[in-house]
Amino acid sequence: MKCTTLFLVLSMVVLMAQPGDCIFGWIMNGIHHAVKGIHSLIHGKAAEEQADQQQLDQDQLNRQQLDQDQLDQDQLNRQQLDQDQQDQDQQDQEDLDQQQLDKRSYQSARRLFD
């Protein structure tokens, strides 16, 4: 009787088990993943991803450098414009001073000859 009960219980466990729940399924699944990993290493999938990431990093650094260069150029242009404006203001002031000096000289000379 015990043997019959044991046989029936074990039969039920075997019949109710899913096909992939056995140790052989786990082993086959592990082998499959190992083969896929080796295949990707051989064909350089990881190396490609690393090269792509390095290219993206380099592109980002290049954009940052271009942005910084543009900012530096804009600052230089502003400084040059400010310097040009100061030079123009100084030149205008010198011209005005020269005109006033000429006017005074002319008035002084006119008084002398009158």
C-alpha atoms as a PDB file:
ATOM      1  CA  MET A   1       0.000   0.000   0.000  1.00  0.00           C
ATOM      2  CA  LYS A   2       2.827   2.376   0.834  1.00  0.00           C
ATOM      3  CA  CYS A   3       4.526   1.624  -2.430  1.00  0.00           C
ATOM      4  CA  THR A   4       1.366   2.279  -4.380  1.00  0.00           C
ATOM      5  CA  THR A   5       0.800   5.611  -2.648  1.00  0.00           C
ATOM      6  CA  LEU A   6       4.403   6.617  -3.188  1.00  0.00           C
ATOM      7  CA  PHE A   7       4.152   5.665  -6.877  1.00  0.00           C
ATOM      8  CA  LEU A   8       0.950   7.677  -7.346  1.00  0.00           C
ATOM      9  CA  VAL A   9       2.343  10.770  -5.568  1.00  0.00           C
ATOM     10  CA  LEU A  10       5.560  10.733  -7.544  1.00  0.00           C
ATOM     11  CA  SER A  11       3.634  10.188 -10.784  1.00  0.00           C
ATOM     12  CA  MET A  12       1.483  13.236 -10.017  1.00  0.00           C
ATOM     13  CA  VAL A  13       4.575  15.357  -9.305  1.00  0.00           C
ATOM     14  CA  VAL A  14       6.167  14.291 -12.578  1.00  0.00           C
ATOM     15  CA  LEU A  15       2.993  14.862 -14.591  1.00  0.00           C
ATOM     16  CA  MET A  16       2.321  18.290 -13.058  1.00  0.00           C
ATOM     17  CA  ALA A  17       5.849  19.604 -13.574  1.00  0.00           C
ATOM     18  CA  GLN A  18       6.428  22.038 -16.437  1.00  0.00           C
ATOM     19  CA  PRO A  19       8.818  20.833 -19.135  1.00  0.00           C
ATOM     20  CA  GLY A  20      11.401  23.559 -18.403  1.00  0.00           C
ATOM     21  CA  ASP A  21      11.438  23.033 -14.629  1.00  0.00           C
ATOM     22  CA  CYS A  22      13.896  20.167 -14.649  1.00  0.00           C
ATOM     23  CA  ILE A  23      17.635  20.399 -14.094  1.00  0.00           C
ATOM     24  CA  PHE A  24      18.254  19.681 -17.761  1.00  0.00           C
ATOM     25  CA  GLY A  25      16.286  22.795 -18.745  1.00  0.00           C
ATOM     26  CA  TRP A  26      18.429  24.945 -16.468  1.00  0.00           C
ATOM     27  CA  ILE A  27      21.604  23.432 -17.866  1.00  0.00           C
ATOM     28  CA  MET A  28      20.463  23.940 -21.468  1.00  0.00           C
ATOM     29  CA  ASN A  29      19.429  27.527 -20.702  1.00  0.00           C
ATOM     30  CA  GLY A  30      22.836  28.239 -19.126  1.00  0.00           C
ATOM     31  CA  ILE A  31      24.660  26.739 -22.096  1.00  0.00           C
ATOM     32  CA  HIS A  32      22.546  28.817 -24.473  1.00  0.00           C
ATOM     33  CA  HIS A  33      23.425  32.058 -22.644  1.00  0.00           C
ATOM     34  CA  ALA A  34      27.115  31.113 -22.488  1.00  0.00           C
ATOM     35  CA  VAL A  35      27.193  30.449 -26.244  1.00  0.00           C
ATOM     36  CA  LYS A  36      25.481  33.779 -26.942  1.00  0.00           C
ATOM     37  CA  GLY A  37      28.011  35.594 -24.735  1.00  0.00           C
ATOM     38  CA  ILE A  38      30.969  33.956 -26.449  1.00  0.00           C
ATOM     39  CA  HIS A  39      29.448  34.688 -29.860  1.00  0.00           C
ATOM     40  CA  SER A  40      29.045  38.399 -29.048  1.00  0.00           C
ATOM     41  CA  LEU A  41      32.639  38.568 -27.779  1.00  0.00           C
ATOM     42  CA  ILE A  42      33.983  36.898 -30.894  1.00  0.00           C
ATOM     43  CA  HIS A  43      32.051  39.146 -33.260  1.00  0.00           C
ATOM     44  CA  GLY A  44      32.938  42.270 -31.305  1.00  0.00           C
ATOM     45  CA  LYS A  45      29.481  43.426 -30.313  1.00  0.00           C
ATOM     46  CA  ALA A  46      30.816  44.742 -27.015  1.00  0.00           C
ATOM     47  CA  ALA A  47      33.742  46.405 -28.781  1.00  0.00           C
ATOM     48  CA  GLU A  48      31.319  48.076 -31.201  1.00  0.00           C
ATOM     49  CA  GLU A  49      29.222  49.425 -28.341  1.00  0.00           C
ATOM     50  CA  GLN A  50      32.346  50.714 -26.614  1.00  0.00           C
ATOM     51  CA  ALA A  51      33.546  52.388 -29.815  1.00  0.00           C
ATOM     52  CA  ASP A  52      30.115  53.970 -30.303  1.00  0.00           C
ATOM     53  CA  GLN A  53      30.170  55.285 -26.743  1.00  0.00           C
ATOM     54  CA  GLN A  54      33.663  56.705 -27.228  1.00  0.00           C
ATOM     55  CA  GLN A  55      32.516  58.394 -30.443  1.00  0.00           C
ATOM     56  CA  LEU A  56      29.542  59.930 -28.635  1.00  0.00           C
ATOM     57  CA  ASP A  57      31.813  61.170 -25.854  1.00  0.00           C
ATOM     58  CA  GLN A  58      34.220  62.656 -28.389  1.00  0.00           C
ATOM     59  CA  ASP A  59      31.371  64.371 -30.237  1.00  0.00           C
ATOM     60  CA  GLN A  60      30.133  65.859 -26.974  1.00  0.00           C
ATOM     61  CA  LEU A  61      33.620  67.150 -26.132  1.00  0.00           C
ATOM     62  CA  ASN A  62      33.922  68.654 -29.617  1.00  0.00           C
ATOM     63  CA  ARG A  63      30.559  70.429 -29.222  1.00  0.00           C
ATOM     64  CA  GLN A  64      31.609  71.787 -25.838  1.00  0.00           C
ATOM     65  CA  GLN A  65      34.907  73.007 -27.299  1.00  0.00           C
ATOM     66  CA  LEU A  66      33.093  74.680 -30.208  1.00  0.00           C
ATOM     67  CA  ASP A  67      30.669  76.340 -27.805  1.00  0.00           C
ATOM     68  CA  GLN A  68      33.549  77.595 -25.667  1.00  0.00           C
ATOM     69  CA  ASP A  69      35.409  78.863 -28.738  1.00  0.00           C
ATOM     70  CA  GLN A  70      32.267  80.681 -29.878  1.00  0.00           C
ATOM     71  CA  LEU A  71      31.860  82.289 -26.452  1.00  0.00           C
ATOM     72  CA  ASP A  72      35.506  83.353 -26.453  1.00  0.00           C
ATOM     73  CA  GLN A  73      35.155  84.801 -29.951  1.00  0.00           C
ATOM     74  CA  ASP A  74      32.003  86.696 -28.946  1.00  0.00           C
ATOM     75  CA  GLN A  75      33.806  88.129 -25.928  1.00  0.00           C
ATOM     76  CA  LEU A  76      36.750  89.205 -28.085  1.00  0.00           C
ATOM     77  CA  ASN A  77      34.365  90.822 -30.569  1.00  0.00           C
ATOM     78  CA  ARG A  78      32.635  92.722 -27.768  1.00  0.00           C
ATOM     79  CA  GLN A  79      35.968  93.897 -26.405  1.00  0.00           C
ATOM     80  CA  GLN A  80      37.050  94.993 -29.876  1.00  0.00           C
ATOM     81  CA  LEU A  81      33.792  96.893 -30.374  1.00  0.00           C
ATOM     82  CA  ASP A  82      34.183  98.573 -26.996  1.00  0.00           C
ATOM     83  CA  GLN A  83      37.771  99.521 -27.835  1.00  0.00           C
ATOM     84  CA  ASP A  84      36.709 100.867 -31.243  1.00  0.00           C
ATOM     85  CA  GLN A  85      33.964 102.909 -29.599  1.00  0.00           C
ATOM     86  CA  GLN A  86      36.413 104.348 -27.067  1.00  0.00           C
ATOM     87  CA  ASP A  87      38.880 105.176 -29.851  1.00  0.00           C
ATOM     88  CA  GLN A  88      36.115 106.851 -31.855  1.00  0.00           C
ATOM     89  CA  ASP A  89      34.971 108.846 -28.820  1.00  0.00           C
ATOM     90  CA  GLN A  90      38.564 109.913 -28.153  1.00  0.00           C
ATOM     91  CA  GLN A  91      39.028 110.901 -31.798  1.00  0.00           C
ATOM     92  CA  ASP A  92      35.779 112.892 -31.752  1.00  0.00           C
ATOM     93  CA  GLN A  93      36.871 114.673 -28.588  1.00  0.00           C
ATOM     94  CA  GLU A  94      40.261 115.508 -30.111  1.00  0.00           C
ATOM     95  CA  ASP A  95      38.560 116.832 -33.254  1.00  0.00           C
ATOM     96  CA  LEU A  96      36.226 118.943 -31.139  1.00  0.00           C
ATOM     97  CA  ASP A  97      39.145 120.284 -29.107  1.00  0.00           C
ATOM     98  CA  GLN A  98      41.032 121.079 -32.330  1.00  0.00           C
ATOM     99  CA  GLN A  99      38.020 122.893 -33.765  1.00  0.00           C
ATOM    100  CA  GLN A 100      37.651 124.951 -30.611  1.00  0.00           C
ATOM    101  CA  LEU A 101      41.364 125.741 -30.662  1.00  0.00           C
ATOM    102  CA  ASP A 102      41.176 126.739 -34.354  1.00  0.00           C
ATOM    103  CA  LYS A 103      38.143 128.911 -33.627  1.00  0.00           C
ATOM    104  CA  ARG A 104      39.947 130.697 -30.786  1.00  0.00           C
ATOM    105  CA  SER A 105      43.055 131.120 -32.906  1.00  0.00           C
ATOM    106  CA  TYR A 106      40.992 132.548 -35.741  1.00  0.00           C
ATOM    107  CA  GLN A 107      39.200 134.944 -33.389  1.00  0.00           C
ATOM    108  CA  SER A 108      42.512 136.035 -31.858  1.00  0.00           C
ATOM    109  CA  ALA A 109      44.066 136.612 -35.263  1.00  0.00           C
ATOM    110  CA  ARG A 110      41.032 138.521 -36.445  1.00  0.00           C
ATOM    111  CA  ARG A 111      41.202 140.844 -33.460  1.00  0.00           C
ATOM    112  CA  LEU A 112      44.828 141.531 -34.148  1.00  0.00           C
ATOM    113  CA  PHE A 113      44.212 142.480 -37.768  1.00  0.00           C
ATOM    114  CA  ASP A 114      41.103 144.526 -37.067  1.00  0.00           C
END
